[in-house]
Amino acid sequence: MEKVKNQGFTLIELLIVIGIIAILAAAVIVAINPGKQFEQARNATRWSHMNSIVNAVYSYAITEGGSFPDCDDAADVDSLNDEDSDPRDVSNCYIDLVEGGFAHELPRDPQIGIEGGNTGYMIELVEGTRIRVYPHESVGDNVQDLEVIQ
């Protein structure tokens, strides 16, 4: 009778291969850096949202003869048209922009989502004729360089 030779891998060989695959997978994850990829995707979304807001504001201004939306809330009585007006959340512009038909809806910051009462974007008048839109400082990503001024 012939002896049958066992074919296959030993436990040690399998553990070594699994260890090598784990090390390579860890290196790939570090190289890809998914946290940074998600941050860049959220910032791209923010750029799009801020451009949409600015376009809606300028559409409003063109229709209203050069007057910008008031963007008033109960706590702040000065208009966005005032040169010394403070920055305010874009959600205060809902009546002028959305109900006025200049925007379908006000975009929300990707980290805030549908929760909360604000949009995560601030708006202010700059130099009397330009609008500045930027993310609120509390959104969490590296957003200090994100702003749209037109």
N, C-alpha and C. Protein backbone atom coordinates (compact mmCIF):
# COMPACT_ATOMS: atom_id res chain seq x y z
N MET A 1 0.80 -1.17 0.00
CA MET A 1 0.00 0.00 0.00
C MET A 1 0.85 1.25 0.00
N GLU A 2 0.41 2.18 -0.80
CA GLU A 2 1.13 3.43 -0.85
C GLU A 2 0.59 4.39 0.19
N LYS A 3 1.53 5.15 0.72
CA LYS A 3 1.16 6.14 1.70
C LYS A 3 0.70 7.41 0.99
N VAL A 4 -0.47 7.97 1.38
CA VAL A 4 -0.99 9.20 0.78
C VAL A 4 -0.33 10.40 1.46
N LYS A 5 0.26 11.24 0.64
CA LYS A 5 0.92 12.43 1.17
C LYS A 5 -0.11 13.54 1.35
N ASN A 6 -0.16 14.12 2.55
CA ASN A 6 -1.11 15.22 2.81
C ASN A 6 -0.67 16.47 2.06
N GLN A 7 -1.59 17.04 1.35
CA GLN A 7 -1.31 18.27 0.64
C GLN A 7 -2.13 19.39 1.27
N GLY A 8 -1.55 20.57 1.36
CA GLY A 8 -2.23 21.70 1.95
C GLY A 8 -1.24 22.58 2.69
N PHE A 9 -1.77 23.54 3.44
CA PHE A 9 -0.93 24.48 4.15
C PHE A 9 -0.97 24.18 5.63
N THR A 10 0.13 24.44 6.28
CA THR A 10 0.16 24.27 7.73
C THR A 10 -0.43 25.51 8.38
N LEU A 11 -0.74 25.39 9.64
CA LEU A 11 -1.32 26.50 10.39
C LEU A 11 -0.36 27.69 10.42
N ILE A 12 0.92 27.43 10.57
CA ILE A 12 1.91 28.50 10.61
C ILE A 12 1.94 29.25 9.29
N GLU A 13 1.91 28.56 8.18
CA GLU A 13 1.91 29.20 6.87
C GLU A 13 0.68 30.09 6.69
N LEU A 14 -0.47 29.59 7.10
CA LEU A 14 -1.69 30.40 7.00
C LEU A 14 -1.62 31.65 7.87
N LEU A 15 -1.10 31.52 9.08
CA LEU A 15 -1.00 32.68 9.97
C LEU A 15 -0.02 33.72 9.42
N ILE A 16 1.06 33.26 8.81
CA ILE A 16 2.01 34.19 8.22
C ILE A 16 1.37 34.95 7.07
N VAL A 17 0.65 34.29 6.20
CA VAL A 17 -0.01 34.94 5.07
C VAL A 17 -1.07 35.92 5.56
N ILE A 18 -1.85 35.54 6.54
CA ILE A 18 -2.87 36.44 7.10
C ILE A 18 -2.21 37.67 7.71
N GLY A 19 -1.09 37.49 8.42
CA GLY A 19 -0.36 38.61 9.00
C GLY A 19 0.15 39.57 7.95
N ILE A 20 0.70 39.03 6.86
CA ILE A 20 1.21 39.88 5.78
C ILE A 20 0.07 40.65 5.13
N ILE A 21 -1.05 40.00 4.89
CA ILE A 21 -2.21 40.69 4.32
C ILE A 21 -2.71 41.80 5.24
N ALA A 22 -2.72 41.56 6.54
CA ALA A 22 -3.17 42.58 7.51
C ALA A 22 -2.24 43.78 7.49
N ILE A 23 -0.93 43.54 7.41
CA ILE A 23 0.03 44.65 7.37
C ILE A 23 -0.16 45.47 6.10
N LEU A 24 -0.33 44.81 4.96
CA LEU A 24 -0.55 45.52 3.70
C LEU A 24 -1.86 46.30 3.71
N ALA A 25 -2.91 45.71 4.28
CA ALA A 25 -4.19 46.41 4.36
C ALA A 25 -4.08 47.65 5.24
N ALA A 26 -3.35 47.54 6.35
CA ALA A 26 -3.17 48.69 7.24
C ALA A 26 -2.40 49.80 6.51
N ALA A 27 -1.39 49.42 5.74
CA ALA A 27 -0.61 50.41 5.00
C ALA A 27 -1.47 51.12 3.95
N VAL A 28 -2.35 50.38 3.29
CA VAL A 28 -3.23 50.98 2.28
C VAL A 28 -4.22 51.94 2.93
N ILE A 29 -4.77 51.55 4.07
CA ILE A 29 -5.74 52.41 4.77
C ILE A 29 -5.06 53.70 5.21
N VAL A 30 -3.84 53.60 5.71
CA VAL A 30 -3.11 54.81 6.12
C VAL A 30 -2.82 55.69 4.91
N ALA A 31 -2.46 55.07 3.78
CA ALA A 31 -2.15 55.85 2.58
C ALA A 31 -3.38 56.55 2.02
N ILE A 32 -4.51 55.88 2.06
CA ILE A 32 -5.75 56.46 1.53
C ILE A 32 -6.30 57.53 2.46
N ASN A 33 -6.17 57.35 3.76
CA ASN A 33 -6.65 58.28 4.78
C ASN A 33 -8.13 58.64 4.56
N PRO A 34 -9.03 57.73 4.90
CA PRO A 34 -10.44 57.98 4.64
C PRO A 34 -11.00 59.21 5.36
N GLY A 35 -10.45 59.55 6.51
CA GLY A 35 -10.93 60.75 7.21
C GLY A 35 -10.71 62.00 6.38
N LYS A 36 -9.53 62.11 5.79
CA LYS A 36 -9.24 63.27 4.95
C LYS A 36 -10.07 63.25 3.68
N GLN A 37 -10.30 62.07 3.13
CA GLN A 37 -11.13 61.96 1.92
C GLN A 37 -12.55 62.44 2.21
N PHE A 38 -13.11 62.04 3.35
CA PHE A 38 -14.45 62.48 3.71
C PHE A 38 -14.49 63.99 3.95
N GLU A 39 -13.43 64.53 4.58
CA GLU A 39 -13.37 65.97 4.81
C GLU A 39 -13.34 66.73 3.48
N GLN A 40 -12.56 66.25 2.52
CA GLN A 40 -12.50 66.90 1.22
C GLN A 40 -13.85 66.82 0.49
N ALA A 41 -14.54 65.69 0.64
CA ALA A 41 -15.85 65.56 0.02
C ALA A 41 -16.85 66.53 0.64
N ARG A 42 -16.82 66.65 1.98
CA ARG A 42 -17.72 67.61 2.65
C ARG A 42 -17.40 69.04 2.23
N ASN A 43 -16.11 69.37 2.10
CA ASN A 43 -15.74 70.72 1.69
C ASN A 43 -16.18 71.02 0.26
N ALA A 44 -16.11 70.02 -0.62
CA ALA A 44 -16.61 70.22 -1.99
C ALA A 44 -18.12 70.49 -1.97
N THR A 45 -18.83 69.78 -1.10
CA THR A 45 -20.27 70.01 -0.95
C THR A 45 -20.52 71.42 -0.42
N ARG A 46 -19.69 71.85 0.52
CA ARG A 46 -19.84 73.21 1.07
C ARG A 46 -19.64 74.26 -0.02
N TRP A 47 -18.62 74.10 -0.88
CA TRP A 47 -18.42 75.05 -1.96
C TRP A 47 -19.66 75.16 -2.83
N SER A 48 -20.23 74.02 -3.17
CA SER A 48 -21.43 74.00 -4.00
C SER A 48 -22.59 74.71 -3.30
N HIS A 49 -22.78 74.42 -2.00
CA HIS A 49 -23.86 75.06 -1.25
C HIS A 49 -23.67 76.57 -1.19
N MET A 50 -22.44 77.00 -0.90
CA MET A 50 -22.20 78.44 -0.78
C MET A 50 -22.43 79.16 -2.11
N ASN A 51 -22.04 78.54 -3.21
CA ASN A 51 -22.30 79.14 -4.52
C ASN A 51 -23.80 79.21 -4.80
N SER A 52 -24.55 78.19 -4.39
CA SER A 52 -26.00 78.22 -4.57
C SER A 52 -26.64 79.35 -3.77
N ILE A 53 -26.15 79.54 -2.55
CA ILE A 53 -26.69 80.62 -1.71
C ILE A 53 -26.41 81.98 -2.34
N VAL A 54 -25.16 82.18 -2.79
CA VAL A 54 -24.79 83.46 -3.40
C VAL A 54 -25.61 83.71 -4.67
N ASN A 55 -25.80 82.68 -5.48
CA ASN A 55 -26.60 82.84 -6.69
C ASN A 55 -28.04 83.21 -6.36
N ALA A 56 -28.61 82.59 -5.33
CA ALA A 56 -29.98 82.92 -4.93
C ALA A 56 -30.06 84.37 -4.43
N VAL A 57 -29.07 84.80 -3.66
CA VAL A 57 -29.07 86.17 -3.14
C VAL A 57 -28.98 87.17 -4.28
N TYR A 58 -28.11 86.92 -5.26
CA TYR A 58 -27.99 87.85 -6.37
C TYR A 58 -29.20 87.81 -7.29
N SER A 59 -29.84 86.67 -7.42
CA SER A 59 -31.10 86.62 -8.17
C SER A 59 -32.16 87.49 -7.48
N TYR A 60 -32.20 87.39 -6.16
CA TYR A 60 -33.11 88.23 -5.38
C TYR A 60 -32.79 89.70 -5.61
N ALA A 61 -31.50 90.05 -5.54
CA ALA A 61 -31.10 91.45 -5.69
C ALA A 61 -31.45 91.99 -7.07
N ILE A 62 -31.27 91.19 -8.09
CA ILE A 62 -31.60 91.63 -9.45
C ILE A 62 -33.10 91.89 -9.57
N THR A 63 -33.89 90.98 -9.04
CA THR A 63 -35.35 91.12 -9.11
C THR A 63 -35.85 92.29 -8.28
N GLU A 64 -35.22 92.53 -7.13
CA GLU A 64 -35.68 93.57 -6.21
C GLU A 64 -34.98 94.91 -6.42
N GLY A 65 -34.39 95.13 -7.58
CA GLY A 65 -33.79 96.42 -7.90
C GLY A 65 -32.51 96.74 -7.13
N GLY A 66 -31.73 95.72 -6.81
CA GLY A 66 -30.45 95.94 -6.14
C GLY A 66 -30.49 95.80 -4.64
N SER A 67 -31.65 95.56 -4.07
CA SER A 67 -31.77 95.39 -2.63
C SER A 67 -31.53 93.93 -2.26
N PHE A 68 -30.69 93.71 -1.26
CA PHE A 68 -30.41 92.34 -0.81
C PHE A 68 -31.51 91.87 0.13
N PRO A 69 -31.62 90.55 0.34
CA PRO A 69 -32.63 90.05 1.28
C PRO A 69 -32.37 90.59 2.69
N ASP A 70 -33.44 90.74 3.47
CA ASP A 70 -33.28 91.26 4.82
C ASP A 70 -32.58 90.27 5.74
N CYS A 71 -32.92 89.02 5.62
CA CYS A 71 -32.33 87.98 6.47
C CYS A 71 -32.44 88.34 7.94
N ASP A 72 -33.59 88.85 8.32
CA ASP A 72 -33.82 89.24 9.72
C ASP A 72 -34.29 88.06 10.53
N ASP A 73 -33.95 88.10 11.79
CA ASP A 73 -34.55 87.17 12.74
C ASP A 73 -35.05 88.00 13.92
N ALA A 74 -35.68 87.34 14.85
CA ALA A 74 -36.30 88.08 15.95
C ALA A 74 -35.28 88.82 16.81
N ALA A 75 -34.07 88.29 16.93
CA ALA A 75 -33.07 88.89 17.82
C ALA A 75 -32.27 90.00 17.14
N ASP A 76 -32.35 90.06 15.83
CA ASP A 76 -31.50 91.02 15.10
C ASP A 76 -32.40 91.82 14.17
N VAL A 77 -32.48 93.11 14.41
CA VAL A 77 -33.42 93.92 13.64
C VAL A 77 -32.79 94.64 12.47
N ASP A 78 -31.45 94.69 12.40
CA ASP A 78 -30.85 95.39 11.27
C ASP A 78 -30.89 94.50 10.03
N SER A 79 -30.99 95.13 8.88
CA SER A 79 -31.12 94.42 7.62
C SER A 79 -29.75 94.05 7.09
N LEU A 80 -29.71 93.01 6.26
CA LEU A 80 -28.46 92.65 5.59
C LEU A 80 -27.99 93.80 4.70
N ASN A 81 -28.91 94.67 4.30
CA ASN A 81 -28.57 95.80 3.45
C ASN A 81 -27.80 96.89 4.21
N ASP A 82 -27.86 96.88 5.54
CA ASP A 82 -27.14 97.88 6.32
C ASP A 82 -25.64 97.59 6.26
N GLU A 83 -24.85 98.63 6.06
CA GLU A 83 -23.40 98.45 5.93
C GLU A 83 -22.78 97.88 7.20
N ASP A 84 -23.35 98.16 8.36
CA ASP A 84 -22.77 97.69 9.60
C ASP A 84 -23.51 96.47 10.16
N SER A 85 -24.22 95.74 9.30
CA SER A 85 -24.95 94.58 9.78
C SER A 85 -23.98 93.46 10.14
N ASP A 86 -24.36 92.67 11.11
CA ASP A 86 -23.53 91.56 11.57
C ASP A 86 -23.78 90.34 10.70
N PRO A 87 -22.79 89.42 10.66
CA PRO A 87 -23.04 88.16 9.96
C PRO A 87 -24.19 87.41 10.64
N ARG A 88 -24.95 86.68 9.85
CA ARG A 88 -26.07 85.92 10.41
C ARG A 88 -26.18 84.59 9.69
N ASP A 89 -26.88 83.69 10.30
CA ASP A 89 -27.08 82.38 9.69
C ASP A 89 -27.97 82.52 8.47
N VAL A 90 -27.68 81.76 7.44
CA VAL A 90 -28.45 81.82 6.20
C VAL A 90 -29.90 81.41 6.43
N SER A 91 -30.17 80.64 7.48
CA SER A 91 -31.55 80.22 7.74
C SER A 91 -32.47 81.42 7.96
N ASN A 92 -31.91 82.57 8.35
CA ASN A 92 -32.73 83.78 8.53
C ASN A 92 -33.22 84.33 7.19
N CYS A 93 -32.65 83.87 6.10
CA CYS A 93 -33.04 84.34 4.76
C CYS A 93 -34.12 83.45 4.13
N TYR A 94 -34.67 82.52 4.89
CA TYR A 94 -35.61 81.55 4.34
C TYR A 94 -36.79 82.23 3.65
N ILE A 95 -37.39 83.19 4.32
CA ILE A 95 -38.59 83.83 3.76
C ILE A 95 -38.27 84.52 2.44
N ASP A 96 -37.18 85.28 2.41
CA ASP A 96 -36.84 86.02 1.19
C ASP A 96 -36.40 85.10 0.05
N LEU A 97 -35.60 84.09 0.35
CA LEU A 97 -35.02 83.27 -0.72
C LEU A 97 -35.88 82.09 -1.14
N VAL A 98 -36.38 81.33 -0.18
CA VAL A 98 -37.14 80.12 -0.52
C VAL A 98 -38.58 80.45 -0.82
N GLU A 99 -39.24 81.17 0.08
CA GLU A 99 -40.64 81.51 -0.17
C GLU A 99 -40.77 82.51 -1.31
N GLY A 100 -39.70 83.27 -1.58
CA GLY A 100 -39.70 84.20 -2.70
C GLY A 100 -39.42 83.52 -4.04
N GLY A 101 -39.05 82.23 -4.01
CA GLY A 101 -38.84 81.48 -5.23
C GLY A 101 -37.44 81.57 -5.81
N PHE A 102 -36.47 82.07 -5.05
CA PHE A 102 -35.11 82.21 -5.57
C PHE A 102 -34.25 80.99 -5.26
N ALA A 103 -34.71 80.15 -4.37
CA ALA A 103 -34.01 78.90 -4.05
C ALA A 103 -35.06 77.85 -3.73
N HIS A 104 -34.80 76.63 -4.12
CA HIS A 104 -35.73 75.54 -3.83
C HIS A 104 -35.76 75.27 -2.33
N GLU A 105 -34.58 75.24 -1.73
CA GLU A 105 -34.44 75.09 -0.28
C GLU A 105 -33.08 75.65 0.12
N LEU A 106 -32.91 75.93 1.38
CA LEU A 106 -31.61 76.40 1.85
C LEU A 106 -30.75 75.19 2.17
N PRO A 107 -29.56 75.13 1.57
CA PRO A 107 -28.71 73.97 1.83
C PRO A 107 -28.20 73.96 3.27
N ARG A 108 -27.96 72.78 3.77
CA ARG A 108 -27.42 72.62 5.12
C ARG A 108 -26.03 72.02 5.04
N ASP A 109 -25.20 72.41 5.97
CA ASP A 109 -23.84 71.88 6.03
C ASP A 109 -23.88 70.35 6.14
N PRO A 110 -22.99 69.64 5.43
CA PRO A 110 -23.04 68.19 5.43
C PRO A 110 -22.86 67.55 6.80
N GLN A 111 -22.21 68.23 7.74
CA GLN A 111 -22.06 67.66 9.07
C GLN A 111 -23.27 67.94 9.95
N ILE A 112 -24.00 69.00 9.67
CA ILE A 112 -25.19 69.31 10.46
C ILE A 112 -26.37 68.48 9.99
N GLY A 113 -26.49 68.30 8.68
CA GLY A 113 -27.59 67.53 8.13
C GLY A 113 -28.91 68.20 8.38
N ILE A 114 -29.95 67.41 8.60
CA ILE A 114 -31.28 67.98 8.80
C ILE A 114 -31.55 68.32 10.25
N GLU A 115 -30.62 68.00 11.14
CA GLU A 115 -30.79 68.31 12.56
C GLU A 115 -30.48 69.78 12.81
N GLY A 116 -31.02 70.31 13.84
CA GLY A 116 -30.70 71.67 14.25
C GLY A 116 -31.52 72.72 13.52
N GLY A 117 -31.49 73.92 14.06
CA GLY A 117 -32.30 74.99 13.51
C GLY A 117 -31.57 75.89 12.54
N ASN A 118 -30.27 75.69 12.35
CA ASN A 118 -29.56 76.56 11.43
C ASN A 118 -29.00 75.76 10.26
N THR A 119 -28.43 76.46 9.29
CA THR A 119 -27.91 75.80 8.10
C THR A 119 -26.44 75.46 8.20
N GLY A 120 -25.72 76.12 9.08
CA GLY A 120 -24.28 75.94 9.17
C GLY A 120 -23.51 76.92 8.31
N TYR A 121 -24.23 77.81 7.61
CA TYR A 121 -23.58 78.81 6.75
C TYR A 121 -23.93 80.20 7.25
N MET A 122 -22.94 81.08 7.22
CA MET A 122 -23.13 82.46 7.63
C MET A 122 -23.12 83.34 6.39
N ILE A 123 -23.83 84.46 6.47
CA ILE A 123 -23.90 85.40 5.35
C ILE A 123 -23.72 86.81 5.90
N GLU A 124 -23.01 87.65 5.14
CA GLU A 124 -22.86 89.05 5.53
C GLU A 124 -22.60 89.89 4.28
N LEU A 125 -22.89 91.16 4.42
CA LEU A 125 -22.64 92.12 3.35
C LEU A 125 -21.23 92.67 3.53
N VAL A 126 -20.45 92.70 2.44
CA VAL A 126 -19.07 93.18 2.49
C VAL A 126 -18.95 94.36 1.52
N GLU A 127 -18.40 95.44 1.98
CA GLU A 127 -18.16 96.62 1.15
C GLU A 127 -19.43 97.16 0.50
N GLY A 128 -20.57 96.90 1.08
CA GLY A 128 -21.82 97.47 0.61
C GLY A 128 -22.45 96.82 -0.61
N THR A 129 -21.67 96.09 -1.40
CA THR A 129 -22.24 95.51 -2.62
C THR A 129 -21.90 94.04 -2.81
N ARG A 130 -21.09 93.48 -1.96
CA ARG A 130 -20.67 92.09 -2.12
C ARG A 130 -21.20 91.25 -0.97
N ILE A 131 -21.51 90.01 -1.27
CA ILE A 131 -22.01 89.08 -0.28
C ILE A 131 -20.91 88.08 0.04
N ARG A 132 -20.71 87.82 1.32
CA ARG A 132 -19.74 86.82 1.78
C ARG A 132 -20.52 85.69 2.44
N VAL A 133 -20.30 84.47 1.98
CA VAL A 133 -20.92 83.28 2.57
C VAL A 133 -19.80 82.35 2.99
N TYR A 134 -19.90 81.83 4.21
CA TYR A 134 -18.85 80.94 4.72
C TYR A 134 -19.47 79.98 5.73
N PRO A 135 -18.81 78.83 5.97
CA PRO A 135 -19.33 77.89 6.95
C PRO A 135 -19.20 78.45 8.36
N HIS A 136 -20.13 78.09 9.20
CA HIS A 136 -20.06 78.48 10.60
C HIS A 136 -18.85 77.81 11.22
N GLU A 137 -18.19 78.49 12.13
CA GLU A 137 -16.95 77.97 12.70
C GLU A 137 -17.14 76.69 13.51
N SER A 138 -18.34 76.34 13.86
CA SER A 138 -18.57 75.16 14.71
C SER A 138 -18.81 73.88 13.93
N VAL A 139 -18.64 73.88 12.60
CA VAL A 139 -18.95 72.67 11.84
C VAL A 139 -17.94 71.56 12.03
N GLY A 140 -16.70 71.87 12.42
CA GLY A 140 -15.78 70.81 12.80
C GLY A 140 -14.66 70.51 11.83
N ASP A 141 -14.86 70.62 10.54
CA ASP A 141 -13.78 70.35 9.59
C ASP A 141 -12.84 71.54 9.52
N ASN A 142 -11.79 71.37 8.77
CA ASN A 142 -10.84 72.45 8.53
C ASN A 142 -11.44 73.38 7.48
N VAL A 143 -12.20 74.39 7.93
CA VAL A 143 -12.98 75.22 7.01
C VAL A 143 -12.57 76.69 7.02
N GLN A 144 -11.43 77.03 7.62
CA GLN A 144 -11.08 78.45 7.73
C GLN A 144 -10.84 79.09 6.37
N ASP A 145 -10.51 78.33 5.34
CA ASP A 145 -10.25 78.92 4.03
C ASP A 145 -11.45 78.86 3.09
N LEU A 146 -12.57 78.37 3.56
CA LEU A 146 -13.74 78.25 2.70
C LEU A 146 -14.62 79.49 2.84
N GLU A 147 -14.76 80.22 1.76
CA GLU A 147 -15.71 81.32 1.71
C GLU A 147 -15.94 81.69 0.25
N VAL A 148 -17.10 82.21 -0.02
CA VAL A 148 -17.43 82.71 -1.34
C VAL A 148 -17.78 84.17 -1.19
N ILE A 149 -17.05 85.01 -1.91
CA ILE A 149 -17.35 86.44 -1.93
C ILE A 149 -17.59 86.84 -3.37
N GLN A 150 -18.76 87.36 -3.64
CA GLN A 150 -19.06 87.84 -5.00
C GLN A 150 -19.69 89.20 -4.92
